Amino acid sequence: MNHFTSVHTVGIPVTDQDRALEFYTRTLGFTLVMDAPLPQLGGRWIVVAAPGGASLALTPATEAGTDTGIRLGTADAAAVHEYLNNEHVSTSGLLSWPGVPPMFTFQDVDGNTLYVAQD
């Protein structure tokens, strides 16, 4: 029996929620969905989302820098790669093989690794 119907939000550990919020909204273009006090975790419950996509919770943490395993889709991986490089975001090289969508990785302001793949 399948009890689950979807994945709503994926958490990303961040050491400075304000800095992370600025990066995810201004640099990556995500939309702020929620920003509420969360004293139980020593910070706030901040949720950002890509248009039509799953949401990300920027959760307070004392350590970050993890491989999130999160794959972000885009219509043009090469253009996103160039944009992030121009914004001084740490990226891997753009990988592209015949029959495989172009892809690359990047690190957010806490060193968390995310993946980008062309749809």
PDB file of N, CA and C in Angstrom:
ATOM      1  N   MET A   1       0.851  -1.180   0.000  1.00  0.00           N
ATOM      2  CA  MET A   1       0.000   0.000   0.000  1.00  0.00           C
ATOM      3  C   MET A   1       0.890   1.235   0.000  1.00  0.00           C
ATOM      4  N   ASN A   2       0.599   2.166  -0.884  1.00  0.00           N
ATOM      5  CA  ASN A   2       1.354   3.409  -0.959  1.00  0.00           C
ATOM      6  C   ASN A   2       0.629   4.471  -0.144  1.00  0.00           C
ATOM      7  N   HIS A   3       1.272   4.933   0.911  1.00  0.00           N
ATOM      8  CA  HIS A   3       0.667   5.921   1.803  1.00  0.00           C
ATOM      9  C   HIS A   3       0.946   7.357   1.393  1.00  0.00           C
ATOM     10  N   PHE A   4       1.894   7.552   0.472  1.00  0.00           N
ATOM     11  CA  PHE A   4       2.318   8.908   0.141  1.00  0.00           C
ATOM     12  C   PHE A   4       1.950   9.262  -1.289  1.00  0.00           C
ATOM     13  N   THR A   5       1.602  10.518  -1.492  1.00  0.00           N
ATOM     14  CA  THR A   5       1.182  10.964  -2.821  1.00  0.00           C
ATOM     15  C   THR A   5       2.132  11.957  -3.461  1.00  0.00           C
ATOM     16  N   SER A   6       3.037  12.552  -2.669  1.00  0.00           N
ATOM     17  CA  SER A   6       3.964  13.531  -3.230  1.00  0.00           C
ATOM     18  C   SER A   6       5.045  13.875  -2.226  1.00  0.00           C
ATOM     19  N   VAL A   7       6.036  14.603  -2.700  1.00  0.00           N
ATOM     20  CA  VAL A   7       7.052  15.192  -1.836  1.00  0.00           C
ATOM     21  C   VAL A   7       6.795  16.690  -1.850  1.00  0.00           C
ATOM     22  N   HIS A   8       6.558  17.257  -0.683  1.00  0.00           N
ATOM     23  CA  HIS A   8       6.204  18.672  -0.614  1.00  0.00           C
ATOM     24  C   HIS A   8       7.419  19.579  -0.498  1.00  0.00           C
ATOM     25  N   THR A   9       8.246  19.317   0.500  1.00  0.00           N
ATOM     26  CA  THR A   9       9.351  20.210   0.800  1.00  0.00           C
ATOM     27  C   THR A   9      10.583  19.396   1.163  1.00  0.00           C
ATOM     28  N   VAL A  10      11.737  19.840   0.669  1.00  0.00           N
ATOM     29  CA  VAL A  10      13.010  19.211   0.992  1.00  0.00           C
ATOM     30  C   VAL A  10      13.822  20.225   1.789  1.00  0.00           C
ATOM     31  N   GLY A  11      14.371  19.810   2.922  1.00  0.00           N
ATOM     32  CA  GLY A  11      15.147  20.708   3.769  1.00  0.00           C
ATOM     33  C   GLY A  11      16.596  20.797   3.345  1.00  0.00           C
ATOM     34  N   ILE A  12      17.138  22.012   3.430  1.00  0.00           N
ATOM     35  CA  ILE A  12      18.550  22.267   3.168  1.00  0.00           C
ATOM     36  C   ILE A  12      19.117  22.961   4.405  1.00  0.00           C
ATOM     37  N   PRO A  13      20.163  22.385   5.023  1.00  0.00           N
ATOM     38  CA  PRO A  13      20.732  23.019   6.214  1.00  0.00           C
ATOM     39  C   PRO A  13      21.517  24.276   5.850  1.00  0.00           C
ATOM     40  N   VAL A  14      21.246  25.356   6.553  1.00  0.00           N
ATOM     41  CA  VAL A  14      21.951  26.624   6.310  1.00  0.00           C
ATOM     42  C   VAL A  14      22.388  27.223   7.638  1.00  0.00           C
ATOM     43  N   THR A  15      23.549  27.854   7.644  1.00  0.00           N
ATOM     44  CA  THR A  15      24.073  28.431   8.878  1.00  0.00           C
ATOM     45  C   THR A  15      23.627  29.875   9.090  1.00  0.00           C
ATOM     46  N   ASP A  16      23.206  30.546   8.033  1.00  0.00           N
ATOM     47  CA  ASP A  16      22.726  31.930   8.118  1.00  0.00           C
ATOM     48  C   ASP A  16      21.481  32.020   7.240  1.00  0.00           C
ATOM     49  N   GLN A  17      20.318  31.991   7.864  1.00  0.00           N
ATOM     50  CA  GLN A  17      19.068  31.946   7.101  1.00  0.00           C
ATOM     51  C   GLN A  17      18.847  33.189   6.254  1.00  0.00           C
ATOM     52  N   ASP A  18      19.221  34.347   6.724  1.00  0.00           N
ATOM     53  CA  ASP A  18      19.036  35.564   5.925  1.00  0.00           C
ATOM     54  C   ASP A  18      19.906  35.524   4.670  1.00  0.00           C
ATOM     55  N   ARG A  19      21.155  35.124   4.827  1.00  0.00           N
ATOM     56  CA  ARG A  19      22.074  35.022   3.681  1.00  0.00           C
ATOM     57  C   ARG A  19      21.570  33.967   2.689  1.00  0.00           C
ATOM     58  N   ALA A  20      21.106  32.839   3.197  1.00  0.00           N
ATOM     59  CA  ALA A  20      20.584  31.783   2.331  1.00  0.00           C
ATOM     60  C   ALA A  20      19.322  32.246   1.606  1.00  0.00           C
ATOM     61  N   LEU A  21      18.427  32.936   2.325  1.00  0.00           N
ATOM     62  CA  LEU A  21      17.201  33.430   1.710  1.00  0.00           C
ATOM     63  C   LEU A  21      17.527  34.379   0.560  1.00  0.00           C
ATOM     64  N   GLU A  22      18.482  35.264   0.762  1.00  0.00           N
ATOM     65  CA  GLU A  22      18.874  36.184  -0.306  1.00  0.00           C
ATOM     66  C   GLU A  22      19.426  35.418  -1.512  1.00  0.00           C
ATOM     67  N   PHE A  23      20.276  34.431  -1.266  1.00  0.00           N
ATOM     68  CA  PHE A  23      20.853  33.636  -2.356  1.00  0.00           C
ATOM     69  C   PHE A  23      19.765  32.906  -3.140  1.00  0.00           C
ATOM     70  N   TYR A  24      18.877  32.221  -2.440  1.00  0.00           N
ATOM     71  CA  TYR A  24      17.867  31.414  -3.125  1.00  0.00           C
ATOM     72  C   TYR A  24      16.823  32.265  -3.845  1.00  0.00           C
ATOM     73  N   THR A  25      16.512  33.443  -3.309  1.00  0.00           N
ATOM     74  CA  THR A  25      15.518  34.289  -3.979  1.00  0.00           C
ATOM     75  C   THR A  25      16.151  35.199  -5.025  1.00  0.00           C
ATOM     76  N   ARG A  26      17.214  35.890  -4.679  1.00  0.00           N
ATOM     77  CA  ARG A  26      17.802  36.853  -5.621  1.00  0.00           C
ATOM     78  C   ARG A  26      18.680  36.203  -6.666  1.00  0.00           C
ATOM     79  N   THR A  27      19.548  35.284  -6.259  1.00  0.00           N
ATOM     80  CA  THR A  27      20.472  34.675  -7.213  1.00  0.00           C
ATOM     81  C   THR A  27      19.800  33.570  -8.020  1.00  0.00           C
ATOM     82  N   LEU A  28      19.046  32.686  -7.330  1.00  0.00           N
ATOM     83  CA  LEU A  28      18.428  31.554  -8.030  1.00  0.00           C
ATOM     84  C   LEU A  28      17.022  31.848  -8.536  1.00  0.00           C
ATOM     85  N   GLY A  29      16.378  32.886  -8.050  1.00  0.00           N
ATOM     86  CA  GLY A  29      15.053  33.258  -8.542  1.00  0.00           C
ATOM     87  C   GLY A  29      13.895  32.486  -7.933  1.00  0.00           C
ATOM     88  N   PHE A  30      14.111  31.827  -6.790  1.00  0.00           N
ATOM     89  CA  PHE A  30      13.019  31.146  -6.112  1.00  0.00           C
ATOM     90  C   PHE A  30      12.103  32.191  -5.479  1.00  0.00           C
ATOM     91  N   THR A  31      10.874  31.801  -5.202  1.00  0.00           N
ATOM     92  CA  THR A  31       9.890  32.675  -4.574  1.00  0.00           C
ATOM     93  C   THR A  31       9.761  32.320  -3.099  1.00  0.00           C
ATOM     94  N   LEU A  32       9.723  33.325  -2.247  1.00  0.00           N
ATOM     95  CA  LEU A  32       9.501  33.093  -0.826  1.00  0.00           C
ATOM     96  C   LEU A  32       8.049  32.663  -0.620  1.00  0.00           C
ATOM     97  N   VAL A  33       7.855  31.515   0.012  1.00  0.00           N
ATOM     98  CA  VAL A  33       6.523  30.973   0.267  1.00  0.00           C
ATOM     99  C   VAL A  33       6.128  31.203   1.727  1.00  0.00           C
ATOM    100  N   MET A  34       7.100  31.027   2.645  1.00  0.00           N
ATOM    101  CA  MET A  34       6.802  31.170   4.067  1.00  0.00           C
ATOM    102  C   MET A  34       8.060  31.587   4.817  1.00  0.00           C
ATOM    103  N   ASP A  35       7.890  32.445   5.785  1.00  0.00           N
ATOM    104  CA  ASP A  35       8.969  32.844   6.678  1.00  0.00           C
ATOM    105  C   ASP A  35       8.321  33.082   8.037  1.00  0.00           C
ATOM    106  N   ALA A  36       8.420  32.076   8.918  1.00  0.00           N
ATOM    107  CA  ALA A  36       7.744  32.141  10.214  1.00  0.00           C
ATOM    108  C   ALA A  36       8.722  31.768  11.329  1.00  0.00           C
ATOM    109  N   PRO A  37       8.543  32.354  12.513  1.00  0.00           N
ATOM    110  CA  PRO A  37       9.406  32.002  13.641  1.00  0.00           C
ATOM    111  C   PRO A  37       9.290  30.507  13.952  1.00  0.00           C
ATOM    112  N   LEU A  38      10.423  29.915  14.293  1.00  0.00           N
ATOM    113  CA  LEU A  38      10.445  28.504  14.679  1.00  0.00           C
ATOM    114  C   LEU A  38      11.422  28.363  15.853  1.00  0.00           C
ATOM    115  N   PRO A  39      10.997  28.842  17.028  1.00  0.00           N
ATOM    116  CA  PRO A  39      11.912  28.853  18.174  1.00  0.00           C
ATOM    117  C   PRO A  39      12.412  27.461  18.570  1.00  0.00           C
ATOM    118  N   GLN A  40      11.646  26.424  18.272  1.00  0.00           N
ATOM    119  CA  GLN A  40      12.061  25.062  18.621  1.00  0.00           C
ATOM    120  C   GLN A  40      13.375  24.679  17.945  1.00  0.00           C
ATOM    121  N   LEU A  41      13.641  25.245  16.764  1.00  0.00           N
ATOM    122  CA  LEU A  41      14.877  24.948  16.043  1.00  0.00           C
ATOM    123  C   LEU A  41      15.885  26.091  16.110  1.00  0.00           C
ATOM    124  N   GLY A  42      15.563  27.129  16.865  1.00  0.00           N
ATOM    125  CA  GLY A  42      16.486  28.238  17.007  1.00  0.00           C
ATOM    126  C   GLY A  42      16.580  29.120  15.785  1.00  0.00           C
ATOM    127  N   GLY A  43      15.503  29.231  15.055  1.00  0.00           N
ATOM    128  CA  GLY A  43      15.512  30.068  13.851  1.00  0.00           C
ATOM    129  C   GLY A  43      14.111  30.261  13.320  1.00  0.00           C
ATOM    130  N   ARG A  44      13.991  30.198  11.991  1.00  0.00           N
ATOM    131  CA  ARG A  44      12.706  30.405  11.339  1.00  0.00           C
ATOM    132  C   ARG A  44      12.427  29.239  10.395  1.00  0.00           C
ATOM    133  N   TRP A  45      11.152  29.054  10.060  1.00  0.00           N
ATOM    134  CA  TRP A  45      10.748  28.096   9.040  1.00  0.00           C
ATOM    135  C   TRP A  45      10.618  28.901   7.756  1.00  0.00           C
ATOM    136  N   ILE A  46      11.641  28.770   6.884  1.00  0.00           N
ATOM    137  CA  ILE A  46      11.675  29.520   5.635  1.00  0.00           C
ATOM    138  C   ILE A  46      11.522  28.530   4.493  1.00  0.00           C
ATOM    139  N   VAL A  47      10.531  28.781   3.648  1.00  0.00           N
ATOM    140  CA  VAL A  47      10.285  27.915   2.498  1.00  0.00           C
ATOM    141  C   VAL A  47      10.329  28.761   1.242  1.00  0.00           C
ATOM    142  N   VAL A  48      11.090  28.290   0.255  1.00  0.00           N
ATOM    143  CA  VAL A  48      11.166  28.934  -1.057  1.00  0.00           C
ATOM    144  C   VAL A  48      10.785  27.894  -2.103  1.00  0.00           C
ATOM    145  N   ALA A  49      10.324  28.370  -3.265  1.00  0.00           N
ATOM    146  CA  ALA A  49       9.896  27.426  -4.306  1.00  0.00           C
ATOM    147  C   ALA A  49      10.232  27.956  -5.690  1.00  0.00           C
ATOM    148  N   ALA A  50      10.514  27.022  -6.572  1.00  0.00           N
ATOM    149  CA  ALA A  50      10.669  27.335  -7.989  1.00  0.00           C
ATOM    150  C   ALA A  50       9.276  27.327  -8.607  1.00  0.00           C
ATOM    151  N   PRO A  51       9.059  28.056  -9.697  1.00  0.00           N
ATOM    152  CA  PRO A  51       7.739  28.060 -10.329  1.00  0.00           C
ATOM    153  C   PRO A  51       7.298  26.639 -10.698  1.00  0.00           C
ATOM    154  N   GLY A  52       6.162  26.233 -10.171  1.00  0.00           N
ATOM    155  CA  GLY A  52       5.600  24.923 -10.505  1.00  0.00           C
ATOM    156  C   GLY A  52       6.367  23.743  -9.957  1.00  0.00           C
ATOM    157  N   GLY A  53       7.335  23.980  -9.067  1.00  0.00           N
ATOM    158  CA  GLY A  53       8.153  22.883  -8.574  1.00  0.00           C
ATOM    159  C   GLY A  53       7.992  22.648  -7.089  1.00  0.00           C
ATOM    160  N   ALA A  54       8.752  21.707  -6.598  1.00  0.00           N
ATOM    161  CA  ALA A  54       8.763  21.417  -5.170  1.00  0.00           C
ATOM    162  C   ALA A  54       9.385  22.593  -4.421  1.00  0.00           C
ATOM    163  N   SER A  55       9.175  22.615  -3.132  1.00  0.00           N
ATOM    164  CA  SER A  55       9.714  23.700  -2.336  1.00  0.00           C
ATOM    165  C   SER A  55      10.911  23.225  -1.512  1.00  0.00           C
ATOM    166  N   LEU A  56      11.718  24.197  -1.094  1.00  0.00           N
ATOM    167  CA  LEU A  56      12.895  23.947  -0.283  1.00  0.00           C
ATOM    168  C   LEU A  56      12.752  24.694   1.030  1.00  0.00           C
ATOM    169  N   ALA A  57      13.027  24.023   2.140  1.00  0.00           N
ATOM    170  CA  ALA A  57      13.032  24.666   3.450  1.00  0.00           C
ATOM    171  C   ALA A  57      14.476  24.977   3.808  1.00  0.00           C
ATOM    172  N   LEU A  58      14.764  26.229   4.111  1.00  0.00           N
ATOM    173  CA  LEU A  58      16.098  26.660   4.503  1.00  0.00           C
ATOM    174  C   LEU A  58      16.175  26.548   6.020  1.00  0.00           C
ATOM    175  N   THR A  59      16.586  25.387   6.508  1.00  0.00           N
ATOM    176  CA  THR A  59      16.505  25.060   7.926  1.00  0.00           C
ATOM    177  C   THR A  59      17.762  25.474   8.680  1.00  0.00           C
ATOM    178  N   PRO A  60      17.590  26.017   9.892  1.00  0.00           N
ATOM    179  CA  PRO A  60      18.750  26.446  10.668  1.00  0.00           C
ATOM    180  C   PRO A  60      19.623  25.262  11.057  1.00  0.00           C
ATOM    181  N   ALA A  61      20.939  25.443  10.905  1.00  0.00           N
ATOM    182  CA  ALA A  61      21.889  24.387  11.234  1.00  0.00           C
ATOM    183  C   ALA A  61      23.188  25.013  11.717  1.00  0.00           C
ATOM    184  N   THR A  62      23.920  24.274  12.511  1.00  0.00           N
ATOM    185  CA  THR A  62      25.233  24.755  12.944  1.00  0.00           C
ATOM    186  C   THR A  62      26.304  24.363  11.939  1.00  0.00           C
ATOM    187  N   GLU A  63      26.031  23.333  11.142  1.00  0.00           N
ATOM    188  CA  GLU A  63      26.944  22.906  10.084  1.00  0.00           C
ATOM    189  C   GLU A  63      26.148  22.688   8.808  1.00  0.00           C
ATOM    190  N   ALA A  64      26.764  22.965   7.692  1.00  0.00           N
ATOM    191  CA  ALA A  64      26.133  22.748   6.391  1.00  0.00           C
ATOM    192  C   ALA A  64      27.207  22.174   5.474  1.00  0.00           C
ATOM    193  N   GLY A  65      27.033  22.318   4.186  1.00  0.00           N
ATOM    194  CA  GLY A  65      28.026  21.821   3.251  1.00  0.00           C
ATOM    195  C   GLY A  65      27.809  20.366   2.904  1.00  0.00           C
ATOM    196  N   THR A  66      26.569  20.000   2.641  1.00  0.00           N
ATOM    197  CA  THR A  66      26.231  18.624   2.327  1.00  0.00           C
ATOM    198  C   THR A  66      25.869  18.469   0.857  1.00  0.00           C
ATOM    199  N   ASP A  67      25.944  17.258   0.365  1.00  0.00           N
ATOM    200  CA  ASP A  67      25.441  16.944  -0.973  1.00  0.00           C
ATOM    201  C   ASP A  67      23.950  16.710  -0.813  1.00  0.00           C
ATOM    202  N   THR A  68      23.146  17.667  -1.244  1.00  0.00           N
ATOM    203  CA  THR A  68      21.704  17.592  -1.008  1.00  0.00           C
ATOM    204  C   THR A  68      21.017  16.526  -1.849  1.00  0.00           C
ATOM    205  N   GLY A  69      21.608  16.187  -2.991  1.00  0.00           N
ATOM    206  CA  GLY A  69      20.959  15.257  -3.909  1.00  0.00           C
ATOM    207  C   GLY A  69      19.809  15.897  -4.669  1.00  0.00           C
ATOM    208  N   ILE A  70      19.609  17.188  -4.487  1.00  0.00           N
ATOM    209  CA  ILE A  70      18.486  17.888  -5.127  1.00  0.00           C
ATOM    210  C   ILE A  70      18.845  18.200  -6.568  1.00  0.00           C
ATOM    211  N   ARG A  71      17.945  17.819  -7.479  1.00  0.00           N
ATOM    212  CA  ARG A  71      18.115  18.094  -8.908  1.00  0.00           C
ATOM    213  C   ARG A  71      17.130  19.172  -9.316  1.00  0.00           C
ATOM    214  N   LEU A  72      17.650  20.263  -9.863  1.00  0.00           N
ATOM    215  CA  LEU A  72      16.814  21.355 -10.350  1.00  0.00           C
ATOM    216  C   LEU A  72      16.746  21.262 -11.864  1.00  0.00           C
ATOM    217  N   GLY A  73      15.564  21.367 -12.413  1.00  0.00           N
ATOM    218  CA  GLY A  73      15.386  21.301 -13.858  1.00  0.00           C
ATOM    219  C   GLY A  73      15.389  22.681 -14.480  1.00  0.00           C
ATOM    220  N   THR A  74      15.866  22.752 -15.721  1.00  0.00           N
ATOM    221  CA  THR A  74      15.885  24.009 -16.458  1.00  0.00           C
ATOM    222  C   THR A  74      15.739  23.731 -17.944  1.00  0.00           C
ATOM    223  N   ALA A  75      15.248  24.702 -18.677  1.00  0.00           N
ATOM    224  CA  ALA A  75      15.127  24.573 -20.126  1.00  0.00           C
ATOM    225  C   ALA A  75      16.470  24.764 -20.826  1.00  0.00           C
ATOM    226  N   ASP A  76      17.442  25.431 -20.152  1.00  0.00           N
ATOM    227  CA  ASP A  76      18.720  25.728 -20.792  1.00  0.00           C
ATOM    228  C   ASP A  76      19.850  25.678 -19.751  1.00  0.00           C
ATOM    229  N   ALA A  77      20.424  24.499 -19.566  1.00  0.00           N
ATOM    230  CA  ALA A  77      21.477  24.316 -18.563  1.00  0.00           C
ATOM    231  C   ALA A  77      22.694  25.176 -18.854  1.00  0.00           C
ATOM    232  N   ALA A  78      23.052  25.330 -20.121  1.00  0.00           N
ATOM    233  CA  ALA A  78      24.225  26.141 -20.473  1.00  0.00           C
ATOM    234  C   ALA A  78      24.028  27.601 -20.058  1.00  0.00           C
ATOM    235  N   ALA A  79      22.831  28.142 -20.271  1.00  0.00           N
ATOM    236  CA  ALA A  79      22.554  29.534 -19.893  1.00  0.00           C
ATOM    237  C   ALA A  79      22.581  29.706 -18.379  1.00  0.00           C
ATOM    238  N   VAL A  80      22.031  28.747 -17.639  1.00  0.00           N
ATOM    239  CA  VAL A  80      22.050  28.824 -16.180  1.00  0.00           C
ATOM    240  C   VAL A  80      23.487  28.718 -15.674  1.00  0.00           C
ATOM    241  N   HIS A  81      24.259  27.826 -16.267  1.00  0.00           N
ATOM    242  CA  HIS A  81      25.663  27.656 -15.897  1.00  0.00           C
ATOM    243  C   HIS A  81      26.423  28.973 -16.080  1.00  0.00           C
ATOM    244  N   GLU A  82      26.237  29.599 -17.223  1.00  0.00           N
ATOM    245  CA  GLU A  82      26.899  30.882 -17.497  1.00  0.00           C
ATOM    246  C   GLU A  82      26.451  31.952 -16.507  1.00  0.00           C
ATOM    247  N   TYR A  83      25.130  32.024 -16.252  1.00  0.00           N
ATOM    248  CA  TYR A  83      24.600  33.018 -15.313  1.00  0.00           C
ATOM    249  C   TYR A  83      25.202  32.834 -13.925  1.00  0.00           C
ATOM    250  N   LEU A  84      25.202  31.599 -13.413  1.00  0.00           N
ATOM    251  CA  LEU A  84      25.738  31.358 -12.071  1.00  0.00           C
ATOM    252  C   LEU A  84      27.225  31.683 -12.004  1.00  0.00           C
ATOM    253  N   ASN A  85      27.966  31.349 -13.036  1.00  0.00           N
ATOM    254  CA  ASN A  85      29.387  31.708 -13.063  1.00  0.00           C
ATOM    255  C   ASN A  85      29.557  33.226 -13.027  1.00  0.00           C
ATOM    256  N   ASN A  86      28.720  33.957 -13.765  1.00  0.00           N
ATOM    257  CA  ASN A  86      28.787  35.422 -13.753  1.00  0.00           C
ATOM    258  C   ASN A  86      28.421  36.006 -12.391  1.00  0.00           C
ATOM    259  N   GLU A  87      27.621  35.254 -11.628  1.00  0.00           N
ATOM    260  CA  GLU A  87      27.240  35.677 -10.274  1.00  0.00           C
ATOM    261  C   GLU A  87      28.256  35.198  -9.229  1.00  0.00           C
ATOM    262  N   HIS A  88      29.352  34.610  -9.687  1.00  0.00           N
ATOM    263  CA  HIS A  88      30.437  34.116  -8.827  1.00  0.00           C
ATOM    264  C   HIS A  88      29.985  32.969  -7.927  1.00  0.00           C
ATOM    265  N   VAL A  89      29.056  32.151  -8.428  1.00  0.00           N
ATOM    266  CA  VAL A  89      28.624  30.947  -7.726  1.00  0.00           C
ATOM    267  C   VAL A  89      29.566  29.824  -8.152  1.00  0.00           C
ATOM    268  N   SER A  90      30.002  29.020  -7.203  1.00  0.00           N
ATOM    269  CA  SER A  90      30.904  27.914  -7.497  1.00  0.00           C
ATOM    270  C   SER A  90      30.143  26.813  -8.246  1.00  0.00           C
ATOM    271  N   THR A  91      30.580  26.516  -9.481  1.00  0.00           N
ATOM    272  CA  THR A  91      29.943  25.485 -10.293  1.00  0.00           C
ATOM    273  C   THR A  91      30.981  24.483 -10.779  1.00  0.00           C
ATOM    274  N   SER A  92      30.501  23.301 -11.134  1.00  0.00           N
ATOM    275  CA  SER A  92      31.350  22.337 -11.825  1.00  0.00           C
ATOM    276  C   SER A  92      31.329  22.699 -13.305  1.00  0.00           C
ATOM    277  N   GLY A  93      32.063  21.954 -14.099  1.00  0.00           N
ATOM    278  CA  GLY A  93      31.981  22.144 -15.541  1.00  0.00           C
ATOM    279  C   GLY A  93      30.631  21.670 -16.055  1.00  0.00           C
ATOM    280  N   LEU A  94      30.222  22.200 -17.175  1.00  0.00           N
ATOM    281  CA  LEU A  94      28.976  21.775 -17.816  1.00  0.00           C
ATOM    282  C   LEU A  94      29.243  20.453 -18.522  1.00  0.00           C
ATOM    283  N   LEU A  95      28.518  19.413 -18.131  1.00  0.00           N
ATOM    284  CA  LEU A  95      28.692  18.090 -18.724  1.00  0.00           C
ATOM    285  C   LEU A  95      27.640  17.863 -19.790  1.00  0.00           C
ATOM    286  N   SER A  96      28.057  17.316 -20.914  1.00  0.00           N
ATOM    287  CA  SER A  96      27.110  17.049 -22.001  1.00  0.00           C
ATOM    288  C   SER A  96      27.641  15.914 -22.858  1.00  0.00           C
ATOM    289  N   TRP A  97      26.828  14.874 -23.035  1.00  0.00           N
ATOM    290  CA  TRP A  97      27.142  13.739 -23.884  1.00  0.00           C
ATOM    291  C   TRP A  97      25.984  13.523 -24.832  1.00  0.00           C
ATOM    292  N   PRO A  98      26.226  12.949 -25.981  1.00  0.00           N
ATOM    293  CA  PRO A  98      25.126  12.662 -26.911  1.00  0.00           C
ATOM    294  C   PRO A  98      24.051  11.805 -26.230  1.00  0.00           C
ATOM    295  N   GLY A  99      22.813  12.239 -26.334  1.00  0.00           N
ATOM    296  CA  GLY A  99      21.691  11.501 -25.772  1.00  0.00           C
ATOM    297  C   GLY A  99      21.451  11.712 -24.295  1.00  0.00           C
ATOM    298  N   VAL A 100      22.282  12.528 -23.641  1.00  0.00           N
ATOM    299  CA  VAL A 100      22.130  12.800 -22.206  1.00  0.00           C
ATOM    300  C   VAL A 100      21.954  14.304 -22.027  1.00  0.00           C
ATOM    301  N   PRO A 101      20.974  14.724 -21.228  1.00  0.00           N
ATOM    302  CA  PRO A 101      20.761  16.163 -21.040  1.00  0.00           C
ATOM    303  C   PRO A 101      21.988  16.829 -20.408  1.00  0.00           C
ATOM    304  N   PRO A 102      22.318  18.057 -20.820  1.00  0.00           N
ATOM    305  CA  PRO A 102      23.403  18.795 -20.177  1.00  0.00           C
ATOM    306  C   PRO A 102      23.117  18.971 -18.690  1.00  0.00           C
ATOM    307  N   MET A 103      24.192  18.917 -17.887  1.00  0.00           N
ATOM    308  CA  MET A 103      24.024  19.028 -16.432  1.00  0.00           C
ATOM    309  C   MET A 103      25.292  19.559 -15.789  1.00  0.00           C
ATOM    310  N   PHE A 104      25.146  20.047 -14.546  1.00  0.00           N
ATOM    311  CA  PHE A 104      26.283  20.502 -13.751  1.00  0.00           C
ATOM    312  C   PHE A 104      25.861  20.587 -12.295  1.00  0.00           C
ATOM    313  N   THR A 105      26.821  20.798 -11.425  1.00  0.00           N
ATOM    314  CA  THR A 105      26.534  21.012 -10.010  1.00  0.00           C
ATOM    315  C   THR A 105      26.948  22.428  -9.630  1.00  0.00           C
ATOM    316  N   PHE A 106      26.381  22.916  -8.527  1.00  0.00           N
ATOM    317  CA  PHE A 106      26.820  24.183  -7.955  1.00  0.00           C
ATOM    318  C   PHE A 106      26.684  24.110  -6.447  1.00  0.00           C
ATOM    319  N   GLN A 107      27.354  25.036  -5.777  1.00  0.00           N
ATOM    320  CA  GLN A 107      27.278  25.116  -4.320  1.00  0.00           C
ATOM    321  C   GLN A 107      26.591  26.415  -3.922  1.00  0.00           C
ATOM    322  N   ASP A 108      25.699  26.286  -2.926  1.00  0.00           N
ATOM    323  CA  ASP A 108      25.057  27.493  -2.399  1.00  0.00           C
ATOM    324  C   ASP A 108      26.030  28.210  -1.460  1.00  0.00           C
ATOM    325  N   VAL A 109      25.563  29.229  -0.774  1.00  0.00           N
ATOM    326  CA  VAL A 109      26.430  30.036   0.080  1.00  0.00           C
ATOM    327  C   VAL A 109      26.933  29.278   1.304  1.00  0.00           C
ATOM    328  N   ASP A 110      26.350  28.122   1.615  1.00  0.00           N
ATOM    329  CA  ASP A 110      26.811  27.286   2.718  1.00  0.00           C
ATOM    330  C   ASP A 110      27.630  26.099   2.240  1.00  0.00           C
ATOM    331  N   GLY A 111      27.901  26.028   0.948  1.00  0.00           N
ATOM    332  CA  GLY A 111      28.658  24.899   0.416  1.00  0.00           C
ATOM    333  C   GLY A 111      27.824  23.657   0.174  1.00  0.00           C
ATOM    334  N   ASN A 112      26.494  23.771   0.243  1.00  0.00           N
ATOM    335  CA  ASN A 112      25.623  22.651  -0.085  1.00  0.00           C
ATOM    336  C   ASN A 112      25.619  22.450  -1.591  1.00  0.00           C
ATOM    337  N   THR A 113      25.767  21.212  -2.042  1.00  0.00           N
ATOM    338  CA  THR A 113      25.784  20.908  -3.459  1.00  0.00           C
ATOM    339  C   THR A 113      24.388  20.625  -3.967  1.00  0.00           C
ATOM    340  N   LEU A 114      24.029  21.278  -5.085  1.00  0.00           N
ATOM    341  CA  LEU A 114      22.781  21.034  -5.792  1.00  0.00           C
ATOM    342  C   LEU A 114      23.133  20.717  -7.242  1.00  0.00           C
ATOM    343  N   TYR A 115      22.241  20.074  -7.945  1.00  0.00           N
ATOM    344  CA  TYR A 115      22.451  19.651  -9.321  1.00  0.00           C
ATOM    345  C   TYR A 115      21.491  20.375 -10.246  1.00  0.00           C
ATOM    346  N   VAL A 116      21.933  20.644 -11.453  1.00  0.00           N
ATOM    347  CA  VAL A 116      21.086  21.256 -12.472  1.00  0.00           C
ATOM    348  C   VAL A 116      21.123  20.340 -13.689  1.00  0.00           C
ATOM    349  N   ALA A 117      19.944  20.010 -14.208  1.00  0.00           N
ATOM    350  CA  ALA A 117      19.844  19.196 -15.410  1.00  0.00           C
ATOM    351  C   ALA A 117      18.825  19.825 -16.347  1.00  0.00           C
ATOM    352  N   GLN A 118      19.141  19.782 -17.621  1.00  0.00           N
ATOM    353  CA  GLN A 118      18.219  20.335 -18.617  1.00  0.00           C
ATOM    354  C   GLN A 118      17.037  19.401 -18.766  1.00  0.00           C
ATOM    355  N   ASP A 119      15.831  19.989 -18.795  1.00  0.00           N
ATOM    356  CA  ASP A 119      14.594  19.199 -18.959  1.00  0.00           C
ATOM    357  C   ASP A 119      14.513  18.602 -20.332  1.00  0.00           C
TER     358      ASP A 119
END
